Amino acid sequence: MTGSPEDFERTRLERDLYLRLLELGTHGELETFLKDALALVVEMVGAREGYLELRDEERGHDATWWISEGFAPEEVEEVRRRVSSGIIAEALSTGRIVDTASALLDPRFTSRRSVQTARIERVLCAPIGESPPRGALYLQGRSAPGALADEDRARVELIARHLAPIAENLILRRRAADAADHTRSHRARLRVEGLVGRSAALATTLNEIALVAPLNVTVLLTGESGTGKSLIARLIHDNGPRAARAFVELNCGSLPESLVESELFGALPGSHSTAHRRLQGKVGAAEHGTLFLDEIGELTPATQAKLLQLLHSKRYYPLGASEPSTADIRVIAATNVDLDAAVASGRFREDLYYRLKVLPVRVPSLAERTSDVPELARAFVEQTCERHGLPRLELSVGALRAVETAEWPGNVRQLEHAMEAACIRAAGDAATQISRSHVFPEAAAETAPDAGGERTFQEETRRFQRELLTRTLEETGWNVAAAARRLDLARSHLYNLIKAFDLTRGE
């Protein structure tokens, strides 16, 4: 039995919709679920603007998650106000979809100032979940010519119905995760942008940050290399009285000995071979702000003496200067070496050590916060894909387990580099997931078929897909429409696969 082209296209769209809804069910994070769910419904309906909000009523306003698409920032605020009044409030209170051909003419909403100001026409707003709803899906206008069609209502109701159990599961998982979040109280009162992790060890560090940040005192950060001391220094600055001022970093171990003093204190013209004009040092650049000195243990004895003078008197001499300059700065220093041993051996000044160690803060190793590894790994994957413009990737279950059980002597820095390399390898394989072999290629090589091992399920699946696509395209003379029909795929999806596998005619 054959149908019309319209029937065929409708069936294809429905199949694609169900497949993508099933894919949404695999999400483990609320934020990525919201992003992909809204993108799906906006695309399927062809809406001009969209807004999706979920909430955990039992935990109040602190447990609300939302995302928008197509709205300007000031418009989003107006849409969010409609959660408590107006169209979205109507959907939430009644538990039924709100479908209005023109909010401007609808007696329920025409008197509202927001409707009049925005000149709102066709709107679809569906509740997510029941008794009470977990949130709402709001769609407005249409990106293509014409209004939102009647069939769009059915599609939105279908999507909202399928989103509800996924959202419920993710909210319950987030509730459980937050219950085990040792850092929650600190995150509520500190600015901790960029800090990933919820372990007890990290909570201890946040507690120390809360103590030292408001005070205008010198701080010494200690801990192994790669633990993230630069980020902790930045958090201390951001939560202190100098947050609005400059945060200036200097890695004391990355500069030649001859340039350290010039880089730190500045130099007058002619004071050394490269000083052709007055050079401002990091101390001057950090005026009224914070100077972060990483690897402080690498400073030479002469520079240590000058830094001690700066901390003691707030005065310093740029190279070649006969008159001192004054400095209003806060100093945060960091080291991964044992300064007690360095003092005992005479490599580091004892008086400078105690001047720096007014309020020490220890940054824990990754081995002390193993529960943070999965969240860190996912965050690094997301950042890498965004930074390099790669398709979005997720860690497979096997890869995540391998990452969790591996040792990371290089701490957070080593994990970050490993995730970046894994993303690049996975993208090169046209994979949608990062497998164990992408993270640990050396281990994978040892168990490869030639070495007596076996390929992973993901590797075999990718190989089969590539071979099937290549064979079908060759058999159809690279007629993409014919190949798509034979494989029962949408042409757009087939084009994406051709691009992902980097297939070329005659291969």
Protein backbone atom coordinates (compact mmCIF):
# COMPACT_ATOMS: atom_id res chain seq x y z
CA MET A 1 0.00 0.00 0.00
CA THR A 2 1.37 3.37 -0.96
CA GLY A 3 0.43 6.82 0.27
CA SER A 4 0.84 10.34 -0.94
CA PRO A 5 4.13 12.22 -0.62
CA GLU A 6 2.50 14.23 2.19
CA ASP A 7 1.64 11.04 4.08
CA PHE A 8 5.18 9.75 3.58
CA GLU A 9 6.69 13.00 4.86
CA ARG A 10 4.35 13.05 7.87
CA THR A 11 5.30 9.48 8.75
CA ARG A 12 8.98 10.29 8.43
CA LEU A 13 8.63 13.31 10.70
CA GLU A 14 6.78 11.28 13.31
CA ARG A 15 9.43 8.56 13.24
CA ASP A 16 12.22 11.12 13.59
CA LEU A 17 10.33 12.76 16.46
CA TYR A 18 10.00 9.50 18.39
CA LEU A 19 13.65 8.63 17.82
CA ARG A 20 14.75 12.01 19.14
CA LEU A 21 12.41 11.73 22.11
CA LEU A 22 14.01 8.38 22.92
CA GLU A 23 17.41 10.05 22.68
CA LEU A 24 16.30 12.72 25.15
CA GLY A 25 15.59 9.93 27.62
CA THR A 26 19.30 9.08 27.74
CA HIS A 27 20.29 12.48 29.17
CA GLY A 28 21.84 12.49 32.60
CA GLU A 29 21.93 16.25 33.22
CA LEU A 30 18.99 18.62 33.52
CA GLU A 31 20.72 21.47 31.72
CA THR A 32 21.55 19.52 28.55
CA PHE A 33 18.08 17.94 28.60
CA LEU A 34 16.45 21.37 28.69
CA LYS A 35 18.60 22.64 25.84
CA ASP A 36 17.96 19.67 23.56
CA ALA A 37 14.26 19.37 24.44
CA LEU A 38 13.55 23.01 23.59
CA ALA A 39 15.61 22.82 20.40
CA LEU A 40 13.62 19.75 19.35
CA VAL A 41 10.18 21.26 19.87
CA VAL A 42 11.10 24.63 18.30
CA GLU A 43 12.40 22.78 15.24
CA MET A 44 9.45 20.41 14.98
CA VAL A 45 6.85 23.16 15.33
CA GLY A 46 8.80 25.87 13.53
CA ALA A 47 8.23 28.34 16.38
CA ARG A 48 9.95 31.70 16.33
CA GLU A 49 10.51 31.80 20.09
CA GLY A 50 10.46 29.14 22.77
CA TYR A 51 10.81 28.88 26.54
CA LEU A 52 11.03 25.77 28.72
CA GLU A 53 10.99 25.78 32.51
CA LEU A 54 11.13 22.98 35.07
CA ARG A 55 10.88 23.27 38.82
CA ASP A 56 11.01 21.19 41.97
CA GLU A 57 8.15 22.63 44.00
CA GLU A 58 9.22 20.83 47.16
CA ARG A 59 12.46 22.81 47.21
CA GLY A 60 11.10 26.22 46.25
CA HIS A 61 12.52 28.84 43.90
CA ASP A 62 16.11 27.66 44.36
CA ALA A 63 15.24 24.54 42.33
CA THR A 64 14.10 26.11 39.06
CA TRP A 65 15.73 25.45 35.71
CA TRP A 66 14.88 27.22 32.47
CA ILE A 67 16.11 27.91 28.96
CA SER A 68 14.91 30.12 26.11
CA GLU A 69 15.43 30.35 22.37
CA GLY A 70 14.75 33.30 20.09
CA PHE A 71 13.96 35.78 22.86
CA ALA A 72 16.08 38.86 23.61
CA PRO A 73 17.34 39.02 27.24
CA GLU A 74 14.77 41.62 28.26
CA GLU A 75 12.02 39.56 26.63
CA VAL A 76 13.04 36.47 28.59
CA GLU A 77 12.48 38.34 31.85
CA GLU A 78 8.98 39.21 30.70
CA VAL A 79 8.30 35.59 29.73
CA ARG A 80 9.50 34.43 33.15
CA ARG A 81 7.10 36.84 34.83
CA ARG A 82 4.29 35.10 32.97
CA VAL A 83 5.02 31.96 35.00
CA SER A 84 3.18 33.55 37.93
CA SER A 85 0.59 35.40 35.86
CA GLY A 86 -0.76 35.21 32.34
CA ILE A 87 -0.52 32.51 29.71
CA ILE A 88 2.02 30.23 31.41
CA ALA A 89 0.23 30.57 34.75
CA GLU A 90 -3.00 29.52 33.02
CA ALA A 91 -1.39 26.31 31.70
CA LEU A 92 0.18 25.51 35.08
CA SER A 93 -2.98 26.13 37.10
CA THR A 94 -5.34 24.21 34.81
CA GLY A 95 -2.93 21.47 33.79
CA ARG A 96 -4.11 21.90 30.19
CA ILE A 97 -2.51 23.27 27.06
CA VAL A 98 -3.21 26.93 26.27
CA ASP A 99 -3.77 27.41 22.56
CA THR A 100 -4.70 30.88 21.44
CA ALA A 101 -4.74 32.10 17.84
CA SER A 102 -4.13 35.65 19.05
CA ALA A 103 -3.36 36.58 22.62
CA LEU A 104 -4.12 40.16 21.59
CA LEU A 105 -7.75 39.21 20.89
CA ASP A 106 -8.17 36.49 23.52
CA PRO A 107 -10.36 37.89 26.33
CA ARG A 108 -8.30 35.88 28.85
CA PHE A 109 -5.12 37.78 28.04
CA THR A 110 -5.90 40.87 25.94
CA SER A 111 -5.92 43.19 28.94
CA ARG A 112 -2.43 42.20 30.05
CA ARG A 113 0.21 44.83 29.45
CA SER A 114 2.83 42.28 28.39
CA VAL A 115 0.53 40.94 25.67
CA GLN A 116 -0.20 44.44 24.37
CA THR A 117 3.43 45.55 24.50
CA ALA A 118 4.80 42.47 22.73
CA ARG A 119 1.82 42.29 20.32
CA ILE A 120 1.60 38.56 20.99
CA GLU A 121 -0.34 36.56 18.40
CA ARG A 122 -0.43 32.73 18.20
CA VAL A 123 0.77 30.99 21.36
CA LEU A 124 1.02 27.37 22.44
CA CYS A 125 1.80 26.67 26.08
CA ALA A 126 1.75 23.12 27.45
CA PRO A 127 2.23 21.99 31.06
CA ILE A 128 4.94 19.41 31.72
CA GLY A 129 3.62 16.70 34.05
CA GLU A 130 0.56 16.55 36.27
CA SER A 131 -0.63 17.24 39.83
CA PRO A 132 1.06 19.67 39.91
CA PRO A 133 2.94 20.23 36.64
CA ARG A 134 6.74 20.18 36.85
CA GLY A 135 6.99 23.06 34.42
CA ALA A 136 5.80 24.51 31.15
CA LEU A 137 6.69 24.62 27.47
CA TYR A 138 5.89 27.99 25.86
CA LEU A 139 6.01 28.64 22.10
CA GLN A 140 5.31 31.92 20.34
CA GLY A 141 5.14 32.94 16.68
CA ARG A 142 6.57 31.08 13.72
CA SER A 143 9.97 31.29 12.07
CA ALA A 144 8.57 30.39 8.62
CA PRO A 145 5.74 32.23 6.88
CA GLY A 146 2.28 31.52 8.29
CA ALA A 147 0.93 30.92 11.77
CA LEU A 148 1.38 27.92 14.04
CA ALA A 149 -0.83 25.24 12.49
CA ASP A 150 -3.50 23.17 14.24
CA GLU A 151 -1.41 20.02 13.88
CA ASP A 152 1.31 21.77 15.87
CA ARG A 153 -0.91 21.61 18.96
CA ALA A 154 -1.06 17.82 18.75
CA ARG A 155 2.69 17.68 18.27
CA VAL A 156 3.36 19.95 21.25
CA GLU A 157 0.99 17.91 23.45
CA LEU A 158 2.78 14.72 22.38
CA ILE A 159 6.22 16.15 23.12
CA ALA A 160 5.11 17.57 26.49
CA ARG A 161 3.64 14.19 27.46
CA HIS A 162 6.93 12.42 26.67
CA LEU A 163 9.06 15.06 28.37
CA ALA A 164 7.19 14.72 31.67
CA PRO A 165 8.60 11.35 32.90
CA ILE A 166 12.11 12.24 31.71
CA ALA A 167 11.94 15.56 33.55
CA GLU A 168 10.58 13.88 36.68
CA ASN A 169 13.43 11.39 36.70
CA LEU A 170 16.08 14.07 36.19
CA ILE A 171 14.60 16.29 38.91
CA LEU A 172 14.59 13.40 41.38
CA ARG A 173 18.18 12.58 40.44
CA ARG A 174 19.17 16.22 40.93
CA ARG A 175 17.41 16.24 44.30
CA ALA A 176 19.39 13.17 45.37
CA ALA A 177 22.62 14.66 44.07
CA ASP A 178 21.99 17.94 45.89
CA ALA A 179 21.29 16.03 49.09
CA ALA A 180 24.81 14.61 48.80
CA ASP A 181 26.24 18.00 47.80
CA HIS A 182 28.65 19.04 50.54
CA THR A 183 29.26 22.39 48.84
CA ARG A 184 25.64 23.51 48.55
CA SER A 185 25.61 25.98 51.47
CA HIS A 186 28.88 27.54 50.29
CA ARG A 187 27.62 27.88 46.71
CA ALA A 188 24.60 29.77 48.02
CA ARG A 189 26.76 32.52 49.53
CA LEU A 190 29.88 32.55 47.36
CA ARG A 191 30.55 33.39 43.74
CA VAL A 192 31.95 30.10 42.42
CA GLU A 193 31.59 30.38 38.65
CA GLY A 194 33.66 27.69 36.94
CA LEU A 195 34.09 25.54 40.05
CA VAL A 196 33.01 21.95 39.39
CA GLY A 197 32.55 19.41 42.17
CA ARG A 198 30.50 18.75 45.30
CA SER A 199 32.80 16.61 47.45
CA ALA A 200 33.51 17.03 51.15
CA ALA A 201 37.16 17.85 50.39
CA LEU A 202 36.12 20.67 48.06
CA ALA A 203 33.63 21.91 50.68
CA THR A 204 36.48 22.24 53.17
CA THR A 205 38.38 24.42 50.70
CA LEU A 206 35.28 26.55 50.06
CA ASN A 207 34.90 27.02 53.79
CA GLU A 208 38.46 28.34 53.95
CA ILE A 209 37.78 30.62 50.97
CA ALA A 210 34.74 32.04 52.78
CA LEU A 211 36.97 32.86 55.75
CA VAL A 212 39.87 34.51 53.90
CA ALA A 213 38.15 36.17 50.92
CA PRO A 214 36.61 39.17 52.78
CA LEU A 215 39.88 39.97 54.54
CA ASN A 216 42.59 42.10 52.97
CA VAL A 217 45.36 39.67 53.93
CA THR A 218 47.97 37.66 52.06
CA VAL A 219 46.96 34.07 51.27
CA LEU A 220 49.20 31.09 50.52
CA LEU A 221 47.66 28.27 48.46
CA THR A 222 49.29 24.88 48.80
CA GLY A 223 48.64 21.56 47.10
CA GLU A 224 49.87 19.26 44.37
CA SER A 225 50.51 20.45 40.83
CA GLY A 226 47.41 20.55 38.65
CA THR A 227 44.85 20.81 41.45
CA GLY A 228 43.44 24.13 40.26
CA LYS A 229 45.13 26.67 42.51
CA SER A 230 44.72 29.41 39.88
CA LEU A 231 40.95 28.93 39.95
CA ILE A 232 40.90 29.03 43.76
CA ALA A 233 42.94 32.25 43.71
CA ARG A 234 40.44 33.76 41.32
CA LEU A 235 37.54 32.72 43.59
CA ILE A 236 39.19 34.39 46.57
CA HIS A 237 39.55 37.57 44.53
CA ASP A 238 35.97 37.41 43.20
CA ASN A 239 34.57 37.06 46.71
CA GLY A 240 36.71 39.77 48.28
CA PRO A 241 36.59 43.58 48.55
CA ARG A 242 38.72 43.98 45.41
CA ALA A 243 36.46 41.91 43.14
CA ALA A 244 35.75 44.87 40.84
CA ARG A 245 39.47 45.54 40.36
CA ALA A 246 42.17 43.77 38.33
CA PHE A 247 43.23 40.18 38.93
CA VAL A 248 46.80 39.79 37.62
CA GLU A 249 48.67 36.49 37.39
CA LEU A 250 52.38 35.76 37.21
CA ASN A 251 53.88 32.29 37.01
CA CYS A 252 57.20 32.70 38.77
CA GLY A 253 58.57 29.47 37.31
CA SER A 254 57.90 30.30 33.65
CA LEU A 255 60.29 33.24 33.26
CA PRO A 256 64.09 33.38 32.93
CA GLU A 257 65.79 34.53 36.10
CA SER A 258 66.96 37.73 34.37
CA LEU A 259 63.40 38.82 33.57
CA VAL A 260 61.54 37.93 36.76
CA GLU A 261 62.21 41.22 38.56
CA SER A 262 61.38 43.31 35.50
CA GLU A 263 58.16 41.37 34.92
CA LEU A 264 57.19 41.67 38.57
CA PHE A 265 58.23 45.22 39.46
CA GLY A 266 58.57 46.92 36.07
CA ALA A 267 61.59 48.73 34.66
CA LEU A 268 62.69 52.20 33.60
CA PRO A 269 64.09 52.84 30.08
CA GLY A 270 67.67 51.61 29.78
CA SER A 271 67.60 49.54 32.95
CA HIS A 272 68.25 46.41 30.87
CA SER A 273 68.78 45.50 27.22
CA THR A 274 65.09 45.14 26.33
CA ALA A 275 63.79 48.11 28.33
CA HIS A 276 63.47 50.68 25.53
CA ARG A 277 60.59 52.39 27.31
CA ARG A 278 59.11 52.34 30.80
CA LEU A 279 57.72 48.86 31.45
CA GLN A 280 54.87 48.39 33.88
CA GLY A 281 55.28 45.31 36.02
CA LYS A 282 52.60 43.00 37.36
CA VAL A 283 52.61 44.87 40.68
CA GLY A 284 51.66 48.11 38.92
CA ALA A 285 49.07 46.36 36.75
CA ALA A 286 47.41 44.92 39.86
CA GLU A 287 47.05 48.29 41.63
CA HIS A 288 43.95 48.29 43.86
CA GLY A 289 43.40 44.67 42.83
CA THR A 290 44.94 41.25 43.39
CA LEU A 291 48.35 39.90 42.34
CA PHE A 292 48.49 36.11 42.08
CA LEU A 293 52.01 34.67 42.19
CA ASP A 294 52.00 31.04 41.11
CA GLU A 295 54.96 28.74 41.83
CA ILE A 296 56.26 31.21 44.41
CA GLY A 297 58.90 28.70 45.46
CA GLU A 298 60.78 29.30 42.17
CA LEU A 299 61.68 32.92 42.97
CA THR A 300 65.38 33.75 43.25
CA PRO A 301 66.78 34.90 46.63
CA ALA A 302 67.16 38.47 45.32
CA THR A 303 63.56 38.63 44.15
CA GLN A 304 62.39 37.04 47.40
CA ALA A 305 64.01 39.92 49.31
CA LYS A 306 62.26 42.53 47.14
CA LEU A 307 58.91 40.77 47.47
CA LEU A 308 59.34 40.73 51.25
CA GLN A 309 59.94 44.49 51.17
CA LEU A 310 56.75 44.95 49.10
CA LEU A 311 54.65 42.91 51.53
CA HIS A 312 56.13 44.68 54.56
CA SER A 313 56.09 48.31 53.44
CA LYS A 314 53.82 48.33 50.36
CA ARG A 315 56.73 49.96 48.51
CA TYR A 316 58.94 48.64 45.70
CA TYR A 317 61.61 49.77 43.28
CA PRO A 318 61.17 49.22 39.53
CA LEU A 319 64.46 48.23 37.89
CA GLY A 320 66.61 51.32 37.37
CA ALA A 321 64.54 53.49 39.74
CA SER A 322 66.06 55.48 42.60
CA GLU A 323 62.72 56.40 44.13
CA PRO A 324 60.25 53.79 45.41
CA SER A 325 56.71 53.34 44.13
CA THR A 326 53.81 52.53 46.42
CA ALA A 327 51.46 49.60 45.88
CA ASP A 328 47.91 48.98 47.04
CA ILE A 329 47.50 45.31 46.19
CA ARG A 330 46.50 42.04 47.72
CA VAL A 331 48.93 39.16 47.17
CA ILE A 332 47.85 35.55 46.79
CA ALA A 333 50.73 33.09 46.37
CA ALA A 334 50.69 29.42 45.42
CA THR A 335 53.15 26.58 45.54
CA ASN A 336 53.28 22.83 44.97
CA VAL A 337 56.62 22.42 46.73
CA ASP A 338 57.28 21.88 50.42
CA LEU A 339 58.21 25.39 51.56
CA ASP A 340 59.05 24.13 55.05
CA ALA A 341 61.77 21.96 53.50
CA ALA A 342 62.83 24.83 51.23
CA VAL A 343 63.22 27.09 54.28
CA ALA A 344 65.18 24.41 56.15
CA SER A 345 67.58 24.02 53.21
CA GLY A 346 68.00 27.78 52.78
CA ARG A 347 66.31 27.91 49.35
CA PHE A 348 63.46 30.06 50.61
CA ARG A 349 63.52 32.95 53.06
CA GLU A 350 61.95 32.10 56.39
CA ASP A 351 60.70 35.66 56.99
CA LEU A 352 59.02 35.75 53.57
CA TYR A 353 57.47 32.34 54.20
CA TYR A 354 55.77 33.50 57.39
CA ARG A 355 54.75 36.77 55.74
CA LEU A 356 53.00 34.79 52.99
CA LYS A 357 51.56 32.16 55.30
CA VAL A 358 49.15 34.46 57.12
CA LEU A 359 46.11 32.40 56.13
CA PRO A 360 47.08 29.25 54.21
CA VAL A 361 44.50 27.42 52.09
CA ARG A 362 45.13 23.84 51.01
CA VAL A 363 43.73 22.75 47.64
CA PRO A 364 42.89 19.01 47.68
CA SER A 365 44.23 16.54 45.15
CA LEU A 366 41.88 14.73 42.80
CA ALA A 367 42.53 11.53 44.75
CA GLU A 368 40.87 13.22 47.74
CA ARG A 369 37.77 14.16 45.72
CA THR A 370 37.16 11.12 43.54
CA SER A 371 33.39 11.67 43.68
CA ASP A 372 33.95 14.86 41.63
CA VAL A 373 35.66 13.01 38.76
CA PRO A 374 32.49 12.21 36.71
CA GLU A 375 31.19 15.78 36.93
CA LEU A 376 34.60 17.19 36.06
CA ALA A 377 34.98 14.82 33.10
CA ARG A 378 31.56 15.78 31.69
CA ALA A 379 32.30 19.47 32.15
CA PHE A 380 35.63 19.18 30.32
CA VAL A 381 33.99 17.30 27.45
CA GLU A 382 31.35 20.01 27.09
CA GLN A 383 33.95 22.79 27.22
CA THR A 384 36.16 21.07 24.65
CA CYS A 385 33.33 20.56 22.17
CA GLU A 386 32.32 24.19 22.50
CA ARG A 387 35.89 25.50 22.27
CA HIS A 388 36.79 23.49 19.17
CA GLY A 389 33.39 23.63 17.48
CA LEU A 390 32.93 19.85 17.68
CA PRO A 391 29.57 18.05 17.61
CA ARG A 392 28.29 17.49 21.13
CA LEU A 393 29.70 14.33 22.67
CA GLU A 394 28.96 12.36 25.80
CA LEU A 395 31.00 9.82 27.70
CA SER A 396 29.80 6.25 27.28
CA VAL A 397 29.08 4.25 30.43
CA GLY A 398 32.28 2.25 29.91
CA ALA A 399 34.39 5.36 29.39
CA LEU A 400 32.95 7.02 32.49
CA ARG A 401 33.65 3.96 34.62
CA ALA A 402 37.21 3.84 33.31
CA VAL A 403 37.71 7.53 34.08
CA GLU A 404 36.32 7.06 37.59
CA THR A 405 38.60 4.14 38.42
CA ALA A 406 41.77 5.53 36.81
CA GLU A 407 44.50 7.25 38.77
CA TRP A 408 45.16 10.90 37.93
CA PRO A 409 48.53 11.85 39.44
CA GLY A 410 48.43 15.08 37.42
CA ASN A 411 45.12 15.91 39.09
CA VAL A 412 42.47 18.12 37.46
CA ARG A 413 44.87 19.38 34.79
CA GLN A 414 45.68 15.86 33.62
CA LEU A 415 41.98 14.93 33.54
CA GLU A 416 41.17 18.04 31.52
CA HIS A 417 43.85 17.28 28.92
CA ALA A 418 42.73 13.64 28.72
CA MET A 419 39.12 14.67 28.07
CA GLU A 420 40.20 17.15 25.39
CA ALA A 421 42.24 14.49 23.59
CA ALA A 422 39.36 11.99 23.91
CA CYS A 423 36.91 14.47 22.33
CA ILE A 424 39.22 15.04 19.39
CA ARG A 425 39.71 11.29 18.85
CA ALA A 426 35.97 10.64 19.07
CA ALA A 427 35.17 13.44 16.62
CA GLY A 428 37.79 12.03 14.26
CA ASP A 429 35.99 8.68 14.39
CA ALA A 430 32.62 10.38 13.72
CA ALA A 431 31.43 8.91 17.01
CA THR A 432 28.49 10.25 18.97
CA GLN A 433 29.90 8.93 22.24
CA ILE A 434 33.37 8.90 23.76
CA SER A 435 34.40 5.30 24.31
CA ARG A 436 37.01 3.88 26.65
CA SER A 437 39.47 3.59 23.74
CA HIS A 438 39.20 7.33 23.05
CA VAL A 439 40.21 8.12 26.61
CA PHE A 440 42.86 5.43 26.99
CA PRO A 441 44.11 4.58 23.47
CA GLU A 442 47.21 2.81 24.82
CA ALA A 443 45.08 0.33 26.75
CA ALA A 444 42.81 -0.13 23.73
CA ALA A 445 45.81 -0.92 21.53
CA GLU A 446 46.83 -3.70 23.90
CA THR A 447 43.44 -5.38 23.50
CA ALA A 448 42.99 -4.69 19.77
CA PRO A 449 42.13 -7.66 17.49
CA ASP A 450 45.72 -7.92 16.23
CA ALA A 451 46.83 -8.14 19.84
CA GLY A 452 44.41 -10.93 20.65
CA GLY A 453 41.68 -8.63 22.06
CA GLU A 454 38.28 -7.53 20.79
CA ARG A 455 36.78 -4.32 19.46
CA THR A 456 34.27 -2.50 21.63
CA PHE A 457 30.56 -2.50 20.76
CA GLN A 458 30.77 1.17 19.79
CA GLU A 459 33.73 0.57 17.47
CA GLU A 460 32.03 -2.36 15.74
CA THR A 461 28.81 -0.33 15.38
CA ARG A 462 30.63 2.61 13.77
CA ARG A 463 32.47 0.27 11.40
CA PHE A 464 29.22 -1.44 10.37
CA GLN A 465 27.43 1.90 9.84
CA ARG A 466 30.23 3.23 7.67
CA GLU A 467 30.39 0.10 5.54
CA LEU A 468 26.59 0.00 5.12
CA LEU A 469 26.41 3.66 4.13
CA THR A 470 29.27 3.33 1.66
CA ARG A 471 27.81 0.21 0.05
CA THR A 472 24.29 1.66 -0.23
CA LEU A 473 25.51 4.93 -1.73
CA GLU A 474 27.60 3.07 -4.30
CA GLU A 475 24.70 0.77 -5.22
CA THR A 476 22.38 3.75 -5.74
CA GLY A 477 24.95 5.71 -7.72
CA TRP A 478 25.23 8.18 -4.87
CA ASN A 479 21.58 9.13 -5.25
CA VAL A 480 21.03 10.37 -1.70
CA ALA A 481 17.23 10.32 -1.95
CA ALA A 482 17.26 6.68 -3.14
CA ALA A 483 19.80 5.69 -0.48
CA ALA A 484 17.74 7.38 2.22
CA ARG A 485 14.62 5.47 1.15
CA ARG A 486 16.48 2.16 1.10
CA LEU A 487 17.94 2.78 4.58
CA ASP A 488 14.67 4.25 5.89
CA LEU A 489 16.39 7.46 6.93
CA ALA A 490 15.56 11.12 6.48
CA ARG A 491 17.69 12.69 3.77
CA SER A 492 18.92 15.35 6.21
CA HIS A 493 20.09 12.61 8.58
CA LEU A 494 21.83 10.77 5.75
CA TYR A 495 23.66 13.94 4.74
CA ASN A 496 24.80 14.36 8.35
CA LEU A 497 26.10 10.78 8.41
CA ILE A 498 27.98 11.28 5.13
CA LYS A 499 29.62 14.35 6.63
CA ALA A 500 30.30 12.66 9.97
CA PHE A 501 32.00 9.65 8.36
CA ASP A 502 33.74 11.90 5.81
CA LEU A 503 32.52 9.73 2.92
CA THR A 504 33.41 10.67 -0.66
CA ARG A 505 32.19 9.23 -3.93
CA GLY A 506 34.36 6.43 -5.29
CA GLU A 507 35.82 5.65 -1.86
